[in-house]
Amino acid sequence: MSSFDNKISKNMWRVVFYERRQNRVQMDRTGPWLPQKQLAMNWAQWFAEQGYFVALQDQAGTLERLHQGLPA
């Protein structure tokens, strides 16, 4: 393994934004990748307080819903 491989984080997180359109909920946008889950959670909470529907996504693509009714 090279030194470059050692610097790549295997635990990146980002905020995913959802948009409600009539009776449908769809993924609208994603934020930048962040190196710590807590940092992504802080941003997600801030955006939720502003009225956005958000979830967290890890580097493997798994979504962690922060609002009921969002797709998994």
N, C-alpha and C. Protein backbone atom coordinates (compact mmCIF):
# COMPACT_ATOMS: atom_id res chain seq x y z
N MET A 1 0.84 -1.18 0.00
CA MET A 1 0.00 0.00 0.00
C MET A 1 0.89 1.24 0.00
N SER A 2 0.58 2.18 -0.84
CA SER A 2 1.39 3.39 -0.92
C SER A 2 0.96 4.39 0.14
N SER A 3 1.76 5.41 0.34
CA SER A 3 1.42 6.45 1.32
C SER A 3 0.18 7.22 0.88
N PHE A 4 -0.05 7.29 -0.44
CA PHE A 4 -1.26 7.96 -0.93
C PHE A 4 -2.51 7.22 -0.46
N ASP A 5 -2.49 5.89 -0.52
CA ASP A 5 -3.64 5.09 -0.08
C ASP A 5 -3.93 5.28 1.40
N ASN A 6 -2.91 5.50 2.19
CA ASN A 6 -3.10 5.69 3.63
C ASN A 6 -3.82 7.00 3.95
N LYS A 7 -3.76 7.97 3.05
CA LYS A 7 -4.36 9.29 3.30
C LYS A 7 -5.82 9.36 2.88
N ILE A 8 -6.29 8.37 2.11
CA ILE A 8 -7.68 8.38 1.64
C ILE A 8 -8.57 7.89 2.77
N SER A 9 -9.52 8.74 3.14
CA SER A 9 -10.46 8.36 4.20
C SER A 9 -11.45 7.34 3.67
N LYS A 10 -11.74 6.36 4.47
CA LYS A 10 -12.72 5.35 4.09
C LYS A 10 -14.04 5.59 4.80
N ASN A 11 -14.18 6.75 5.41
CA ASN A 11 -15.38 7.04 6.18
C ASN A 11 -15.83 8.46 5.90
N MET A 12 -16.23 8.72 4.67
CA MET A 12 -16.68 10.05 4.28
C MET A 12 -18.21 10.11 4.37
N TRP A 13 -18.73 11.30 4.66
CA TRP A 13 -20.17 11.52 4.81
C TRP A 13 -20.57 12.77 4.06
N ARG A 14 -21.82 12.83 3.62
CA ARG A 14 -22.35 14.05 3.01
C ARG A 14 -23.83 14.19 3.32
N VAL A 15 -24.30 15.41 3.17
CA VAL A 15 -25.71 15.72 3.38
C VAL A 15 -26.43 15.57 2.04
N VAL A 16 -27.55 14.88 2.07
CA VAL A 16 -28.38 14.68 0.89
C VAL A 16 -29.67 15.48 1.09
N PHE A 17 -30.04 16.25 0.09
CA PHE A 17 -31.24 17.10 0.17
C PHE A 17 -32.37 16.46 -0.62
N TYR A 18 -33.56 16.49 -0.04
CA TYR A 18 -34.75 15.97 -0.69
C TYR A 18 -35.72 17.10 -0.96
N GLU A 19 -36.51 16.94 -2.01
CA GLU A 19 -37.52 17.92 -2.35
C GLU A 19 -38.86 17.23 -2.44
N ARG A 20 -39.86 17.82 -1.80
CA ARG A 20 -41.22 17.29 -1.89
C ARG A 20 -41.92 17.99 -3.05
N ARG A 21 -42.45 17.17 -3.95
CA ARG A 21 -43.23 17.69 -5.08
C ARG A 21 -44.57 16.97 -5.06
N GLN A 22 -45.58 17.70 -4.67
CA GLN A 22 -46.92 17.16 -4.49
C GLN A 22 -46.88 15.96 -3.56
N ASN A 23 -47.15 14.76 -4.05
CA ASN A 23 -47.14 13.60 -3.15
C ASN A 23 -45.87 12.75 -3.33
N ARG A 24 -44.85 13.30 -3.95
CA ARG A 24 -43.60 12.57 -4.18
C ARG A 24 -42.45 13.24 -3.45
N VAL A 25 -41.50 12.43 -3.04
CA VAL A 25 -40.27 12.92 -2.42
C VAL A 25 -39.12 12.37 -3.25
N GLN A 26 -38.23 13.27 -3.70
CA GLN A 26 -37.12 12.80 -4.51
C GLN A 26 -35.82 13.47 -4.10
N MET A 27 -34.71 12.77 -4.35
CA MET A 27 -33.42 13.33 -4.02
C MET A 27 -33.16 14.50 -4.96
N ASP A 28 -32.80 15.64 -4.40
CA ASP A 28 -32.62 16.84 -5.19
C ASP A 28 -31.14 17.13 -5.42
N ARG A 29 -30.38 17.18 -4.34
CA ARG A 29 -28.96 17.54 -4.42
C ARG A 29 -28.19 16.83 -3.32
N THR A 30 -26.88 16.87 -3.46
CA THR A 30 -26.01 16.37 -2.40
C THR A 30 -24.97 17.43 -2.09
N GLY A 31 -24.52 17.43 -0.85
CA GLY A 31 -23.47 18.34 -0.44
C GLY A 31 -22.11 17.71 -0.68
N PRO A 32 -21.06 18.44 -0.34
CA PRO A 32 -19.71 17.90 -0.50
C PRO A 32 -19.41 16.81 0.51
N TRP A 33 -18.46 15.95 0.19
CA TRP A 33 -18.05 14.90 1.11
C TRP A 33 -17.30 15.52 2.28
N LEU A 34 -17.60 15.06 3.48
CA LEU A 34 -16.97 15.56 4.70
C LEU A 34 -16.27 14.39 5.41
N PRO A 35 -15.15 14.66 6.07
CA PRO A 35 -14.35 13.57 6.65
C PRO A 35 -14.88 12.98 7.95
N GLN A 36 -15.86 13.62 8.58
CA GLN A 36 -16.38 13.12 9.86
C GLN A 36 -17.89 13.13 9.84
N LYS A 37 -18.48 12.07 10.41
CA LYS A 37 -19.93 11.99 10.48
C LYS A 37 -20.51 13.14 11.31
N GLN A 38 -19.87 13.49 12.40
CA GLN A 38 -20.40 14.55 13.26
C GLN A 38 -20.45 15.89 12.53
N LEU A 39 -19.46 16.15 11.70
CA LEU A 39 -19.46 17.38 10.91
C LEU A 39 -20.62 17.40 9.93
N ALA A 40 -20.86 16.27 9.26
CA ALA A 40 -22.00 16.17 8.35
C ALA A 40 -23.31 16.29 9.11
N MET A 41 -23.38 15.69 10.30
CA MET A 41 -24.59 15.77 11.13
C MET A 41 -24.86 17.22 11.55
N ASN A 42 -23.83 17.95 11.89
CA ASN A 42 -24.00 19.36 12.26
C ASN A 42 -24.59 20.16 11.10
N TRP A 43 -24.07 19.95 9.89
CA TRP A 43 -24.61 20.63 8.72
C TRP A 43 -26.04 20.20 8.45
N ALA A 44 -26.32 18.91 8.57
CA ALA A 44 -27.67 18.40 8.33
C ALA A 44 -28.67 19.02 9.30
N GLN A 45 -28.28 19.11 10.55
CA GLN A 45 -29.17 19.72 11.55
C GLN A 45 -29.41 21.19 11.25
N TRP A 46 -28.38 21.90 10.82
CA TRP A 46 -28.54 23.31 10.48
C TRP A 46 -29.50 23.47 9.31
N PHE A 47 -29.30 22.67 8.26
CA PHE A 47 -30.20 22.76 7.10
C PHE A 47 -31.63 22.35 7.47
N ALA A 48 -31.79 21.36 8.34
CA ALA A 48 -33.13 20.96 8.78
C ALA A 48 -33.82 22.10 9.53
N GLU A 49 -33.06 22.84 10.33
CA GLU A 49 -33.62 24.00 11.04
C GLU A 49 -34.06 25.09 10.07
N GLN A 50 -33.45 25.13 8.88
CA GLN A 50 -33.81 26.12 7.86
C GLN A 50 -34.99 25.65 7.01
N GLY A 51 -35.50 24.44 7.29
CA GLY A 51 -36.67 23.93 6.59
C GLY A 51 -36.40 22.93 5.48
N TYR A 52 -35.16 22.53 5.30
CA TYR A 52 -34.82 21.55 4.28
C TYR A 52 -35.07 20.13 4.80
N PHE A 53 -35.39 19.22 3.89
CA PHE A 53 -35.50 17.80 4.21
C PHE A 53 -34.17 17.16 3.84
N VAL A 54 -33.48 16.61 4.82
CA VAL A 54 -32.13 16.10 4.60
C VAL A 54 -31.94 14.70 5.17
N ALA A 55 -30.92 14.04 4.67
CA ALA A 55 -30.47 12.75 5.18
C ALA A 55 -28.95 12.75 5.11
N LEU A 56 -28.33 11.79 5.77
CA LEU A 56 -26.88 11.62 5.67
C LEU A 56 -26.59 10.41 4.80
N GLN A 57 -25.53 10.51 4.01
CA GLN A 57 -25.11 9.40 3.17
C GLN A 57 -23.65 9.11 3.46
N ASP A 58 -23.33 7.83 3.65
CA ASP A 58 -21.92 7.48 3.85
C ASP A 58 -21.29 7.14 2.50
N GLN A 59 -20.00 6.92 2.54
CA GLN A 59 -19.25 6.69 1.32
C GLN A 59 -19.70 5.44 0.57
N ALA A 60 -20.26 4.48 1.28
CA ALA A 60 -20.74 3.25 0.65
C ALA A 60 -22.11 3.44 -0.01
N GLY A 61 -22.75 4.60 0.21
CA GLY A 61 -24.04 4.89 -0.40
C GLY A 61 -25.22 4.68 0.51
N THR A 62 -24.99 4.22 1.74
CA THR A 62 -26.07 3.99 2.69
C THR A 62 -26.61 5.32 3.20
N LEU A 63 -27.93 5.45 3.21
CA LEU A 63 -28.57 6.68 3.68
C LEU A 63 -29.07 6.51 5.11
N GLU A 64 -28.88 7.55 5.89
CA GLU A 64 -29.40 7.61 7.26
C GLU A 64 -30.44 8.72 7.27
N ARG A 65 -31.71 8.31 7.33
CA ARG A 65 -32.79 9.30 7.28
C ARG A 65 -32.87 10.11 8.57
N LEU A 66 -33.09 11.40 8.42
CA LEU A 66 -33.24 12.27 9.58
C LEU A 66 -34.68 12.77 9.72
N HIS A 67 -35.53 12.50 8.73
CA HIS A 67 -36.93 12.88 8.75
C HIS A 67 -37.77 11.66 8.40
N GLN A 68 -38.89 11.52 9.05
CA GLN A 68 -39.82 10.44 8.70
C GLN A 68 -40.42 10.75 7.34
N GLY A 69 -40.65 9.71 6.58
CA GLY A 69 -41.28 9.89 5.28
C GLY A 69 -40.30 10.02 4.13
N LEU A 70 -39.01 10.08 4.41
CA LEU A 70 -38.02 10.15 3.34
C LEU A 70 -37.72 8.75 2.84
N PRO A 71 -37.42 8.61 1.55
CA PRO A 71 -37.07 7.29 1.03
C PRO A 71 -35.78 6.79 1.62
N ALA A 72 -35.66 5.49 1.77
CA ALA A 72 -34.45 4.90 2.36
C ALA A 72 -33.36 4.71 1.32
